[in-house]
Structures are given as C-alpha cells and as structure tokens.
C-alpha cells in the first residue's frame, strides 16, 4: 500500500442549482438582475419594516464610527445611506397606517350594513 501517492482529481457532478460562469442562476420565486458578472437577487427584503429599520441603524452606527475615526467624508456617506433608509422606513410606516385605517373603515361599514 502506498499512502503517500496523490489521488487523481475528480470533478464533482454539476447540480441544478450550481452557479455557472455565464451568470445563469436558478431563481426560487425571486427576481434576478444580471449586471455583467454580478447577480443581484431581490426577494423583497427592503419591503420589510424591521429589515429597513435595522439597516438604517447599521448605517447610523457606521457613520458614528467613521466620525470617531476622523473620516468626515465617509461619515457623511454613511449618513446619506441612513437618510435613504429613514425615508424608506417612513414610507413603509405610512403605507401600514393607511392599510390599518382602510381595514377599520371597511369593518365599520360591514357592521353598519349587518345592523
């Protein structure tokens, strides 16, 4: 027996969800945008109020860290990102409140028609 002998390379078989060089990816209910070699999967995570709030807080913290490290340009960049997510957060909050008000109004209308 020769345990020191190197084994020959055997490639793995390709699977259906294996990434290929040409950028084609099998998407599961997500929209895929192909920009050259970079793929962007968007699954609606920025429509989730909690995710937007978390991202906004992350950029605010990054801005504080950059400011304390003496980099005002990077801090301003992070603050602009945080501001973007703050606007998105407010927009989602407004949508949520409007839908709650609509639901209450329709419930009241149903109660009045039933009486």
PDB file of N, CA and C in Angstrom:
ATOM      1  N   UNK A   1       0.824  -1.173   0.000  1.00  0.00           N
ATOM      2  CA  UNK A   1       0.000   0.000   0.000  1.00  0.00           C
ATOM      3  C   UNK A   1       0.871   1.240   0.000  1.00  0.00           C
ATOM      4  N   UNK A   2       0.483   2.191  -0.846  1.00  0.00           N
ATOM      5  CA  UNK A   2       1.231   3.433  -0.915  1.00  0.00           C
ATOM      6  C   UNK A   2       0.319   4.580  -0.505  1.00  0.00           C
ATOM      7  N   UNK A   3       0.385   4.980   0.761  1.00  0.00           N
ATOM      8  CA  UNK A   3      -0.486   6.047   1.270  1.00  0.00           C
ATOM      9  C   UNK A   3      -0.023   7.433   0.875  1.00  0.00           C
ATOM     10  N   UNK A   4       1.200   7.574   0.422  1.00  0.00           N
ATOM     11  CA  UNK A   4       1.728   8.883   0.060  1.00  0.00           C
ATOM     12  C   UNK A   4       1.394   9.286  -1.365  1.00  0.00           C
ATOM     13  N   UNK A   5       0.811   8.404  -2.112  1.00  0.00           N
ATOM     14  CA  UNK A   5       0.502   8.682  -3.514  1.00  0.00           C
ATOM     15  C   UNK A   5      -0.698   9.636  -3.609  1.00  0.00           C
ATOM     16  N   UNK A   6      -0.588  10.657  -4.451  1.00  0.00           N
ATOM     17  CA  UNK A   6      -1.677  11.618  -4.618  1.00  0.00           C
ATOM     18  C   UNK A   6      -2.781  11.022  -5.456  1.00  0.00           C
ATOM     19  N   UNK A   7      -4.008  11.335  -5.071  1.00  0.00           N
ATOM     20  CA  UNK A   7      -5.158  10.855  -5.833  1.00  0.00           C
ATOM     21  C   UNK A   7      -5.385  11.743  -7.043  1.00  0.00           C
ATOM     22  N   UNK A   8      -5.915  11.178  -8.101  1.00  0.00           N
ATOM     23  CA  UNK A   8      -6.249  11.955  -9.290  1.00  0.00           C
ATOM     24  C   UNK A   8      -7.446  12.861  -9.000  1.00  0.00           C
ATOM     25  N   UNK A   9      -7.455  14.027  -9.632  1.00  0.00           N
ATOM     26  CA  UNK A   9      -8.552  14.963  -9.442  1.00  0.00           C
ATOM     27  C   UNK A   9      -9.805  14.440 -10.113  1.00  0.00           C
ATOM     28  N   UNK A  10     -10.909  14.410  -9.348  1.00  0.00           N
ATOM     29  CA  UNK A  10     -12.197  14.014  -9.907  1.00  0.00           C
ATOM     30  C   UNK A  10     -13.180  15.155  -9.687  1.00  0.00           C
ATOM     31  N   UNK A  11     -13.649  15.797 -10.756  1.00  0.00           N
ATOM     32  CA  UNK A  11     -14.578  16.917 -10.587  1.00  0.00           C
ATOM     33  C   UNK A  11     -15.929  16.438 -10.060  1.00  0.00           C
ATOM     34  N   UNK A  12     -16.585  17.309  -9.314  1.00  0.00           N
ATOM     35  CA  UNK A  12     -17.921  16.993  -8.814  1.00  0.00           C
ATOM     36  C   UNK A  12     -18.931  17.087  -9.949  1.00  0.00           C
ATOM     37  N   UNK A  13     -19.966  16.279  -9.880  1.00  0.00           N
ATOM     38  CA  UNK A  13     -21.008  16.401 -10.917  1.00  0.00           C
ATOM     39  C   UNK A  13     -21.789  17.705 -10.727  1.00  0.00           C
ATOM     40  N   UNK A  14     -22.229  18.298 -11.842  1.00  0.00           N
ATOM     41  CA  UNK A  14     -22.983  19.536 -11.780  1.00  0.00           C
ATOM     42  C   UNK A  14     -24.383  19.269 -11.255  1.00  0.00           C
ATOM     43  N   UNK A  15     -24.886  20.185 -10.421  1.00  0.00           N
ATOM     44  CA  UNK A  15     -26.240  20.081  -9.908  1.00  0.00           C
ATOM     45  C   UNK A  15     -27.087  21.175 -10.542  1.00  0.00           C
ATOM     46  N   UNK A  16     -28.384  21.086 -10.372  1.00  0.00           N
ATOM     47  CA  UNK A  16     -29.270  22.074 -10.985  1.00  0.00           C
ATOM     48  C   UNK A  16     -29.067  23.482 -10.452  1.00  0.00           C
ATOM     49  N   UNK A  17     -28.766  23.611  -9.173  1.00  0.00           N
ATOM     50  CA  UNK A  17     -28.609  24.945  -8.612  1.00  0.00           C
ATOM     51  C   UNK A  17     -27.152  25.396  -8.570  1.00  0.00           C
ATOM     52  N   UNK A  18     -26.294  24.763  -9.298  1.00  0.00           N
ATOM     53  CA  UNK A  18     -24.881  25.107  -9.351  1.00  0.00           C
ATOM     54  C   UNK A  18     -24.695  26.381 -10.167  1.00  0.00           C
ATOM     55  N   UNK A  19     -23.900  27.322  -9.673  1.00  0.00           N
ATOM     56  CA  UNK A  19     -23.662  28.567 -10.403  1.00  0.00           C
ATOM     57  C   UNK A  19     -22.736  28.334 -11.578  1.00  0.00           C
ATOM     58  N   UNK A  20     -23.150  28.818 -12.705  1.00  0.00           N
ATOM     59  CA  UNK A  20     -22.339  28.698 -13.908  1.00  0.00           C
ATOM     60  C   UNK A  20     -21.682  30.033 -14.211  1.00  0.00           C
ATOM     61  N   UNK A  21     -20.641  30.014 -15.023  1.00  0.00           N
ATOM     62  CA  UNK A  21     -19.905  31.231 -15.340  1.00  0.00           C
ATOM     63  C   UNK A  21     -20.716  32.239 -16.137  1.00  0.00           C
ATOM     64  N   UNK A  22     -21.682  31.789 -16.913  1.00  0.00           N
ATOM     65  CA  UNK A  22     -22.409  32.715 -17.771  1.00  0.00           C
ATOM     66  C   UNK A  22     -23.436  33.535 -17.014  1.00  0.00           C
ATOM     67  N   UNK A  23     -23.540  33.363 -15.694  1.00  0.00           N
ATOM     68  CA  UNK A  23     -24.419  34.193 -14.894  1.00  0.00           C
ATOM     69  C   UNK A  23     -25.825  33.659 -14.747  1.00  0.00           C
ATOM     70  N   UNK A  24     -26.121  32.507 -15.306  1.00  0.00           N
ATOM     71  CA  UNK A  24     -27.473  31.983 -15.163  1.00  0.00           C
ATOM     72  C   UNK A  24     -27.612  31.309 -13.808  1.00  0.00           C
ATOM     73  N   UNK A  25     -28.653  31.693 -13.107  1.00  0.00           N
ATOM     74  CA  UNK A  25     -28.899  31.170 -11.770  1.00  0.00           C
ATOM     75  C   UNK A  25     -30.350  30.710 -11.722  1.00  0.00           C
ATOM     76  N   UNK A  26     -30.593  29.601 -11.085  1.00  0.00           N
ATOM     77  CA  UNK A  26     -31.954  29.136 -10.901  1.00  0.00           C
ATOM     78  C   UNK A  26     -32.556  29.925  -9.755  1.00  0.00           C
ATOM     79  N   UNK A  27     -33.646  30.650 -10.028  1.00  0.00           N
ATOM     80  CA  UNK A  27     -34.236  31.520  -9.008  1.00  0.00           C
ATOM     81  C   UNK A  27     -35.503  30.878  -8.459  1.00  0.00           C
ATOM     82  N   UNK A  28     -35.638  30.919  -7.139  1.00  0.00           N
ATOM     83  CA  UNK A  28     -36.832  30.398  -6.493  1.00  0.00           C
ATOM     84  C   UNK A  28     -37.714  31.560  -6.072  1.00  0.00           C
ATOM     85  N   UNK A  29     -38.673  31.920  -6.893  1.00  0.00           N
ATOM     86  CA  UNK A  29     -39.619  32.996  -6.605  1.00  0.00           C
ATOM     87  C   UNK A  29     -38.933  34.324  -6.293  1.00  0.00           C
ATOM     88  N   UNK A  30     -37.758  34.543  -6.819  1.00  0.00           N
ATOM     89  CA  UNK A  30     -37.092  35.832  -6.662  1.00  0.00           C
ATOM     90  C   UNK A  30     -36.763  36.348  -8.052  1.00  0.00           C
ATOM     91  N   UNK A  31     -36.755  37.659  -8.182  1.00  0.00           N
ATOM     92  CA  UNK A  31     -36.367  38.217  -9.471  1.00  0.00           C
ATOM     93  C   UNK A  31     -34.856  38.413  -9.454  1.00  0.00           C
ATOM     94  N   UNK A  32     -34.223  38.094 -10.560  1.00  0.00           N
ATOM     95  CA  UNK A  32     -32.772  38.181 -10.650  1.00  0.00           C
ATOM     96  C   UNK A  32     -32.397  39.222 -11.688  1.00  0.00           C
ATOM     97  N   UNK A  33     -31.497  40.123 -11.314  1.00  0.00           N
ATOM     98  CA  UNK A  33     -30.995  41.118 -12.239  1.00  0.00           C
ATOM     99  C   UNK A  33     -29.547  40.785 -12.529  1.00  0.00           C
ATOM    100  N   UNK A  34     -29.220  40.650 -13.805  1.00  0.00           N
ATOM    101  CA  UNK A  34     -27.869  40.292 -14.188  1.00  0.00           C
ATOM    102  C   UNK A  34     -27.168  41.529 -14.718  1.00  0.00           C
ATOM    103  N   UNK A  35     -26.099  41.920 -14.062  1.00  0.00           N
ATOM    104  CA  UNK A  35     -25.323  43.078 -14.464  1.00  0.00           C
ATOM    105  C   UNK A  35     -23.911  42.597 -14.760  1.00  0.00           C
ATOM    106  N   UNK A  36     -23.685  42.075 -15.959  1.00  0.00           N
ATOM    107  CA  UNK A  36     -22.378  41.532 -16.296  1.00  0.00           C
ATOM    108  C   UNK A  36     -22.108  40.275 -15.502  1.00  0.00           C
ATOM    109  N   UNK A  37     -21.076  40.309 -14.673  1.00  0.00           N
ATOM    110  CA  UNK A  37     -20.733  39.146 -13.871  1.00  0.00           C
ATOM    111  C   UNK A  37     -21.391  39.145 -12.497  1.00  0.00           C
ATOM    112  N   UNK A  38     -22.119  40.223 -12.184  1.00  0.00           N
ATOM    113  CA  UNK A  38     -22.688  40.352 -10.844  1.00  0.00           C
ATOM    114  C   UNK A  38     -24.179  40.094 -10.896  1.00  0.00           C
ATOM    115  N   UNK A  39     -24.665  39.227 -10.025  1.00  0.00           N
ATOM    116  CA  UNK A  39     -26.097  38.947  -9.943  1.00  0.00           C
ATOM    117  C   UNK A  39     -26.657  39.583  -8.693  1.00  0.00           C
ATOM    118  N   UNK A  40     -27.804  40.233  -8.845  1.00  0.00           N
ATOM    119  CA  UNK A  40     -28.475  40.824  -7.701  1.00  0.00           C
ATOM    120  C   UNK A  40     -29.802  40.102  -7.524  1.00  0.00           C
ATOM    121  N   UNK A  41     -29.959  39.414  -6.410  1.00  0.00           N
ATOM    122  CA  UNK A  41     -31.232  38.776  -6.099  1.00  0.00           C
ATOM    123  C   UNK A  41     -32.027  39.708  -5.213  1.00  0.00           C
ATOM    124  N   UNK A  42     -33.258  39.944  -5.610  1.00  0.00           N
ATOM    125  CA  UNK A  42     -34.118  40.797  -4.806  1.00  0.00           C
ATOM    126  C   UNK A  42     -35.327  39.978  -4.404  1.00  0.00           C
ATOM    127  N   UNK A  43     -35.479  39.781  -3.121  1.00  0.00           N
ATOM    128  CA  UNK A  43     -36.586  38.990  -2.624  1.00  0.00           C
ATOM    129  C   UNK A  43     -37.536  39.823  -1.782  1.00  0.00           C
ATOM    130  N   UNK A  44     -37.519  41.145  -1.947  1.00  0.00           N
ATOM    131  CA  UNK A  44     -38.443  41.995  -1.226  1.00  0.00           C
ATOM    132  C   UNK A  44     -38.025  42.299   0.194  1.00  0.00           C
ATOM    133  N   UNK A  45     -36.757  42.129   0.532  1.00  0.00           N
ATOM    134  CA  UNK A  45     -36.328  42.347   1.906  1.00  0.00           C
ATOM    135  C   UNK A  45     -36.419  43.814   2.303  1.00  0.00           C
ATOM    136  N   UNK A  46     -36.381  44.733   1.349  1.00  0.00           N
ATOM    137  CA  UNK A  46     -36.482  46.145   1.690  1.00  0.00           C
ATOM    138  C   UNK A  46     -37.933  46.604   1.764  1.00  0.00           C
ATOM    139  N   UNK A  47     -38.879  45.662   1.694  1.00  0.00           N
ATOM    140  CA  UNK A  47     -40.278  45.965   1.950  1.00  0.00           C
ATOM    141  C   UNK A  47     -40.656  45.566   3.364  1.00  0.00           C
ATOM    142  N   UNK A  48     -39.729  44.978   4.077  1.00  0.00           N
ATOM    143  CA  UNK A  48     -39.952  44.563   5.447  1.00  0.00           C
ATOM    144  C   UNK A  48     -39.513  45.697   6.367  1.00  0.00           C
ATOM    145  N   UNK A  49     -40.473  46.180   7.169  1.00  0.00           N
ATOM    146  CA  UNK A  49     -40.227  47.325   8.026  1.00  0.00           C
ATOM    147  C   UNK A  49     -39.065  47.088   8.984  1.00  0.00           C
ATOM    148  N   UNK A  50     -38.996  45.890   9.538  1.00  0.00           N
ATOM    149  CA  UNK A  50     -37.939  45.561  10.502  1.00  0.00           C
ATOM    150  C   UNK A  50     -36.565  45.584   9.835  1.00  0.00           C
ATOM    151  N   UNK A  51     -36.457  45.021   8.630  1.00  0.00           N
ATOM    152  CA  UNK A  51     -35.170  44.993   7.931  1.00  0.00           C
ATOM    153  C   UNK A  51     -34.698  46.402   7.580  1.00  0.00           C
ATOM    154  N   UNK A  52     -35.631  47.256   7.171  1.00  0.00           N
ATOM    155  CA  UNK A  52     -35.267  48.624   6.810  1.00  0.00           C
ATOM    156  C   UNK A  52     -34.775  49.377   8.043  1.00  0.00           C
ATOM    157  N   UNK A  53     -35.462  49.186   9.167  1.00  0.00           N
ATOM    158  CA  UNK A  53     -35.055  49.861  10.400  1.00  0.00           C
ATOM    159  C   UNK A  53     -33.669  49.401  10.847  1.00  0.00           C
ATOM    160  N   UNK A  54     -33.424  48.093  10.742  1.00  0.00           N
ATOM    161  CA  UNK A  54     -32.123  47.541  11.126  1.00  0.00           C
ATOM    162  C   UNK A  54     -31.002  48.086  10.243  1.00  0.00           C
ATOM    163  N   UNK A  55     -31.265  48.174   8.954  1.00  0.00           N
ATOM    164  CA  UNK A  55     -30.267  48.681   8.010  1.00  0.00           C
ATOM    165  C   UNK A  55     -29.982  50.152   8.281  1.00  0.00           C
ATOM    166  N   UNK A  56     -31.037  50.918   8.583  1.00  0.00           N
ATOM    167  CA  UNK A  56     -30.865  52.331   8.895  1.00  0.00           C
ATOM    168  C   UNK A  56     -29.983  52.496  10.141  1.00  0.00           C
ATOM    169  N   UNK A  57     -30.244  51.706  11.175  1.00  0.00           N
ATOM    170  CA  UNK A  57     -29.449  51.791  12.397  1.00  0.00           C
ATOM    171  C   UNK A  57     -28.004  51.371  12.157  1.00  0.00           C
ATOM    172  N   UNK A  58     -27.812  50.398  11.269  1.00  0.00           N
ATOM    173  CA  UNK A  58     -26.452  49.956  10.949  1.00  0.00           C
ATOM    174  C   UNK A  58     -25.651  51.096  10.322  1.00  0.00           C
ATOM    175  N   UNK A  59     -26.260  51.816   9.371  1.00  0.00           N
ATOM    176  CA  UNK A  59     -25.544  52.914   8.723  1.00  0.00           C
ATOM    177  C   UNK A  59     -25.316  54.077   9.681  1.00  0.00           C
ATOM    178  N   UNK A  60     -26.244  54.313  10.600  1.00  0.00           N
ATOM    179  CA  UNK A  60     -26.028  55.358  11.596  1.00  0.00           C
ATOM    180  C   UNK A  60     -24.837  55.012  12.486  1.00  0.00           C
ATOM    181  N   UNK A  61     -24.730  53.744  12.865  1.00  0.00           N
ATOM    182  CA  UNK A  61     -23.603  53.318  13.694  1.00  0.00           C
ATOM    183  C   UNK A  61     -22.288  53.404  12.922  1.00  0.00           C
ATOM    184  N   UNK A  62     -22.324  53.015  11.640  1.00  0.00           N
ATOM    185  CA  UNK A  62     -21.117  53.126  10.816  1.00  0.00           C
ATOM    186  C   UNK A  62     -20.681  54.591  10.699  1.00  0.00           C
ATOM    187  N   UNK A  63     -21.655  55.503  10.589  1.00  0.00           N
ATOM    188  CA  UNK A  63     -21.328  56.933  10.498  1.00  0.00           C
ATOM    189  C   UNK A  63     -20.677  57.411  11.788  1.00  0.00           C
ATOM    190  N   UNK A  64     -21.195  56.982  12.936  1.00  0.00           N
ATOM    191  CA  UNK A  64     -20.591  57.371  14.214  1.00  0.00           C
ATOM    192  C   UNK A  64     -19.165  56.853  14.317  1.00  0.00           C
ATOM    193  N   UNK A  65     -18.958  55.601  13.896  1.00  0.00           N
ATOM    194  CA  UNK A  65     -17.617  55.015  13.945  1.00  0.00           C
ATOM    195  C   UNK A  65     -16.647  55.765  13.034  1.00  0.00           C
ATOM    196  N   UNK A  66     -17.115  56.107  11.830  1.00  0.00           N
ATOM    197  CA  UNK A  66     -16.254  56.822  10.892  1.00  0.00           C
ATOM    198  C   UNK A  66     -15.917  58.213  11.430  1.00  0.00           C
ATOM    199  N   UNK A  67     -16.893  58.863  12.058  1.00  0.00           N
ATOM    200  CA  UNK A  67     -16.651  60.195  12.619  1.00  0.00           C
ATOM    201  C   UNK A  67     -15.630  60.121  13.752  1.00  0.00           C
ATOM    202  N   UNK A  68     -15.750  59.083  14.582  1.00  0.00           N
ATOM    203  CA  UNK A  68     -14.804  58.959  15.696  1.00  0.00           C
ATOM    204  C   UNK A  68     -13.402  58.588  15.207  1.00  0.00           C
ATOM    205  N   UNK A  69     -13.321  57.973  14.031  1.00  0.00           N
ATOM    206  CA  UNK A  69     -12.013  57.645  13.459  1.00  0.00           C
ATOM    207  C   UNK A  69     -11.422  58.812  12.676  1.00  0.00           C
ATOM    208  N   UNK A  70     -12.165  59.911  12.592  1.00  0.00           N
ATOM    209  CA  UNK A  70     -11.633  61.106  11.936  1.00  0.00           C
ATOM    210  C   UNK A  70     -11.821  61.122  10.439  1.00  0.00           C
ATOM    211  N   UNK A  71     -12.846  60.461   9.921  1.00  0.00           N
ATOM    212  CA  UNK A  71     -13.102  60.453   8.484  1.00  0.00           C
ATOM    213  C   UNK A  71     -14.474  61.068   8.209  1.00  0.00           C
ATOM    214  N   UNK A  72     -14.539  62.409   8.072  1.00  0.00           N
ATOM    215  CA  UNK A  72     -15.842  63.051   7.895  1.00  0.00           C
ATOM    216  C   UNK A  72     -16.509  62.738   6.555  1.00  0.00           C
ATOM    217  N   UNK A  73     -15.726  62.455   5.532  1.00  0.00           N
ATOM    218  CA  UNK A  73     -16.305  62.145   4.220  1.00  0.00           C
ATOM    219  C   UNK A  73     -17.037  60.810   4.275  1.00  0.00           C
ATOM    220  N   UNK A  74     -16.410  59.813   4.859  1.00  0.00           N
ATOM    221  CA  UNK A  74     -17.052  58.508   4.986  1.00  0.00           C
ATOM    222  C   UNK A  74     -18.261  58.591   5.909  1.00  0.00           C
ATOM    223  N   UNK A  75     -18.158  59.381   6.971  1.00  0.00           N
ATOM    224  CA  UNK A  75     -19.287  59.554   7.886  1.00  0.00           C
ATOM    225  C   UNK A  75     -20.471  60.167   7.158  1.00  0.00           C
ATOM    226  N   UNK A  76     -20.211  61.167   6.330  1.00  0.00           N
ATOM    227  CA  UNK A  76     -21.288  61.803   5.567  1.00  0.00           C
ATOM    228  C   UNK A  76     -21.920  60.813   4.590  1.00  0.00           C
ATOM    229  N   UNK A  77     -21.101  59.990   3.976  1.00  0.00           N
ATOM    230  CA  UNK A  77     -21.608  58.965   3.058  1.00  0.00           C
ATOM    231  C   UNK A  77     -22.554  58.015   3.789  1.00  0.00           C
ATOM    232  N   UNK A  78     -22.133  57.549   4.955  1.00  0.00           N
ATOM    233  CA  UNK A  78     -22.983  56.644   5.728  1.00  0.00           C
ATOM    234  C   UNK A  78     -24.258  57.336   6.187  1.00  0.00           C
ATOM    235  N   UNK A  79     -24.169  58.621   6.539  1.00  0.00           N
ATOM    236  CA  UNK A  79     -25.367  59.354   6.955  1.00  0.00           C
ATOM    237  C   UNK A  79     -26.353  59.507   5.804  1.00  0.00           C
ATOM    238  N   UNK A  80     -25.836  59.658   4.589  1.00  0.00           N
ATOM    239  CA  UNK A  80     -26.729  59.733   3.431  1.00  0.00           C
ATOM    240  C   UNK A  80     -27.432  58.404   3.202  1.00  0.00           C
ATOM    241  N   UNK A  81     -26.707  57.307   3.408  1.00  0.00           N
ATOM    242  CA  UNK A  81     -27.349  55.997   3.294  1.00  0.00           C
ATOM    243  C   UNK A  81     -28.419  55.834   4.373  1.00  0.00           C
ATOM    244  N   UNK A  82     -28.099  56.226   5.604  1.00  0.00           N
ATOM    245  CA  UNK A  82     -29.061  56.123   6.698  1.00  0.00           C
ATOM    246  C   UNK A  82     -30.292  56.978   6.407  1.00  0.00           C
ATOM    247  N   UNK A  83     -30.088  58.152   5.823  1.00  0.00           N
ATOM    248  CA  UNK A  83     -31.200  59.032   5.476  1.00  0.00           C
ATOM    249  C   UNK A  83     -32.105  58.382   4.437  1.00  0.00           C
ATOM    250  N   UNK A  84     -31.510  57.703   3.476  1.00  0.00           N
ATOM    251  CA  UNK A  84     -32.295  56.986   2.463  1.00  0.00           C
ATOM    252  C   UNK A  84     -33.184  55.937   3.130  1.00  0.00           C
ATOM    253  N   UNK A  85     -32.613  55.159   4.034  1.00  0.00           N
ATOM    254  CA  UNK A  85     -33.391  54.115   4.693  1.00  0.00           C
ATOM    255  C   UNK A  85     -34.414  54.707   5.656  1.00  0.00           C
ATOM    256  N   UNK A  86     -34.140  55.890   6.213  1.00  0.00           N
ATOM    257  CA  UNK A  86     -35.129  56.569   7.046  1.00  0.00           C
ATOM    258  C   UNK A  86     -36.345  56.964   6.209  1.00  0.00           C
ATOM    259  N   UNK A  87     -36.096  57.488   5.007  1.00  0.00           N
ATOM    260  CA  UNK A  87     -37.215  57.829   4.110  1.00  0.00           C
ATOM    261  C   UNK A  87     -38.010  56.586   3.746  1.00  0.00           C
ATOM    262  N   UNK A  88     -37.315  55.504   3.462  1.00  0.00           N
ATOM    263  CA  UNK A  88     -37.999  54.246   3.121  1.00  0.00           C
ATOM    264  C   UNK A  88     -38.801  53.732   4.315  1.00  0.00           C
ATOM    265  N   UNK A  89     -38.244  53.858   5.512  1.00  0.00           N
ATOM    266  CA  UNK A  89     -38.919  53.428   6.740  1.00  0.00           C
ATOM    267  C   UNK A  89     -40.207  54.222   6.942  1.00  0.00           C
ATOM    268  N   UNK A  90     -40.122  55.545   6.770  1.00  0.00           N
ATOM    269  CA  UNK A  90     -41.305  56.393   6.915  1.00  0.00           C
ATOM    270  C   UNK A  90     -42.368  56.058   5.873  1.00  0.00           C
ATOM    271  N   UNK A  91     -41.933  55.769   4.661  1.00  0.00           N
ATOM    272  CA  UNK A  91     -42.851  55.406   3.588  1.00  0.00           C
ATOM    273  C   UNK A  91     -43.592  54.109   3.924  1.00  0.00           C
ATOM    274  N   UNK A  92     -42.866  53.115   4.415  1.00  0.00           N
ATOM    275  CA  UNK A  92     -43.489  51.840   4.770  1.00  0.00           C
ATOM    276  C   UNK A  92     -44.430  51.998   5.963  1.00  0.00           C
ATOM    277  N   UNK A  93     -44.043  52.837   6.925  1.00  0.00           N
ATOM    278  CA  UNK A  93     -44.906  53.111   8.079  1.00  0.00           C
ATOM    279  C   UNK A  93     -46.215  53.751   7.636  1.00  0.00           C
ATOM    280  N   UNK A  94     -46.115  54.702   6.714  1.00  0.00           N
ATOM    281  CA  UNK A  94     -47.306  55.390   6.215  1.00  0.00           C
ATOM    282  C   UNK A  94     -48.231  54.407   5.488  1.00  0.00           C
ATOM    283  N   UNK A  95     -47.652  53.539   4.670  1.00  0.00           N
ATOM    284  CA  UNK A  95     -48.451  52.527   3.978  1.00  0.00           C
ATOM    285  C   UNK A  95     -49.171  51.624   4.974  1.00  0.00           C
ATOM    286  N   UNK A  96     -48.447  51.227   6.018  1.00  0.00           N
ATOM    287  CA  UNK A  96     -49.009  50.339   7.030  1.00  0.00           C
ATOM    288  C   UNK A  96     -50.174  51.017   7.746  1.00  0.00           C
ATOM    289  N   UNK A  97     -49.982  52.274   8.129  1.00  0.00           N
ATOM    290  CA  UNK A  97     -51.048  53.012   8.813  1.00  0.00           C
ATOM    291  C   UNK A  97     -52.256  53.192   7.919  1.00  0.00           C
ATOM    292  N   UNK A  98     -52.041  53.491   6.636  1.00  0.00           N
ATOM    293  CA  UNK A  98     -53.155  53.649   5.699  1.00  0.00           C
ATOM    294  C   UNK A  98     -53.935  52.350   5.541  1.00  0.00           C
ATOM    295  N   UNK A  99     -53.223  51.240   5.474  1.00  0.00           N
ATOM    296  CA  UNK A  99     -53.931  49.961   5.316  1.00  0.00           C
ATOM    297  C   UNK A  99     -54.719  49.605   6.571  1.00  0.00           C
ATOM    298  N   UNK A 100     -54.192  49.962   7.755  1.00  0.00           N
ATOM    299  CA  UNK A 100     -54.914  49.708   9.000  1.00  0.00           C
ATOM    300  C   UNK A 100     -56.187  50.555   9.050  1.00  0.00           C
ATOM    301  N   UNK A 101     -56.065  51.828   8.656  1.00  0.00           N
ATOM    302  CA  UNK A 101     -57.235  52.709   8.635  1.00  0.00           C
ATOM    303  C   UNK A 101     -58.286  52.207   7.649  1.00  0.00           C
ATOM    304  N   UNK A 102     -57.846  51.722   6.484  1.00  0.00           N
ATOM    305  CA  UNK A 102     -58.780  51.179   5.492  1.00  0.00           C
ATOM    306  C   UNK A 102     -59.515  49.970   6.046  1.00  0.00           C
ATOM    307  N   UNK A 103     -58.778  49.094   6.716  1.00  0.00           N
ATOM    308  CA  UNK A 103     -59.395  47.907   7.284  1.00  0.00           C
ATOM    309  C   UNK A 103     -60.429  48.268   8.337  1.00  0.00           C
ATOM    310  N   UNK A 104     -60.131  49.253   9.183  1.00  0.00           N
ATOM    311  CA  UNK A 104     -61.085  49.684  10.196  1.00  0.00           C
ATOM    312  C   UNK A 104     -62.329  50.258   9.553  1.00  0.00           C
ATOM    313  N   UNK A 105     -62.149  51.048   8.502  1.00  0.00           N
ATOM    314  CA  UNK A 105     -63.290  51.658   7.820  1.00  0.00           C
ATOM    315  C   UNK A 105     -64.174  50.592   7.178  1.00  0.00           C
ATOM    316  N   UNK A 106     -63.569  49.604   6.552  1.00  0.00           N
ATOM    317  CA  UNK A 106     -64.373  48.544   5.923  1.00  0.00           C
ATOM    318  C   UNK A 106     -65.076  47.699   6.976  1.00  0.00           C
ATOM    319  N   UNK A 107     -64.433  47.459   8.115  1.00  0.00           N
ATOM    320  CA  UNK A 107     -65.089  46.716   9.195  1.00  0.00           C
ATOM    321  C   UNK A 107     -66.292  47.483   9.724  1.00  0.00           C
ATOM    322  N   UNK A 108     -66.156  48.795   9.890  1.00  0.00           N
ATOM    323  CA  UNK A 108     -67.271  49.612  10.359  1.00  0.00           C
ATOM    324  C   UNK A 108     -68.420  49.597   9.359  1.00  0.00           C
ATOM    325  N   UNK A 109     -68.085  49.674   8.070  1.00  0.00           N
ATOM    326  CA  UNK A 109     -69.123  49.620   7.032  1.00  0.00           C
ATOM    327  C   UNK A 109     -69.847  48.277   7.063  1.00  0.00           C
ATOM    328  N   UNK A 110     -69.108  47.198   7.259  1.00  0.00           N
ATOM    329  CA  UNK A 110     -69.737  45.876   7.331  1.00  0.00           C
ATOM    330  C   UNK A 110     -70.657  45.770   8.539  1.00  0.00           C
ATOM    331  N   UNK A 111     -70.240  46.321   9.672  1.00  0.00           N
ATOM    332  CA  UNK A 111     -71.061  46.285  10.887  1.00  0.00           C
ATOM    333  C   UNK A 111     -72.358  47.071  10.684  1.00  0.00           C
ATOM    334  N   UNK A 112     -72.240  48.225  10.004  1.00  0.00           N
ATOM    335  CA  UNK A 112     -73.418  49.062   9.774  1.00  0.00           C
ATOM    336  C   UNK A 112     -74.383  48.393   8.800  1.00  0.00           C
ATOM    337  N   UNK A 113     -73.861  47.730   7.785  1.00  0.00           N
ATOM    338  CA  UNK A 113     -74.750  47.041   6.838  1.00  0.00           C
ATOM    339  C   UNK A 113     -75.386  45.822   7.460  1.00  0.00           C
ATOM    340  N   UNK A 114     -74.727  45.166   8.397  1.00  0.00           N
ATOM    341  CA  UNK A 114     -75.299  43.990   9.054  1.00  0.00           C
ATOM    342  C   UNK A 114     -76.385  44.382  10.050  1.00  0.00           C
ATOM    343  N   UNK A 115     -76.311  45.580  10.616  1.00  0.00           N
ATOM    344  CA  UNK A 115     -77.311  46.024  11.596  1.00  0.00           C
ATOM    345  C   UNK A 115     -78.468  46.600  10.870  1.00  0.00           C
TER     346      UNK A 115
END
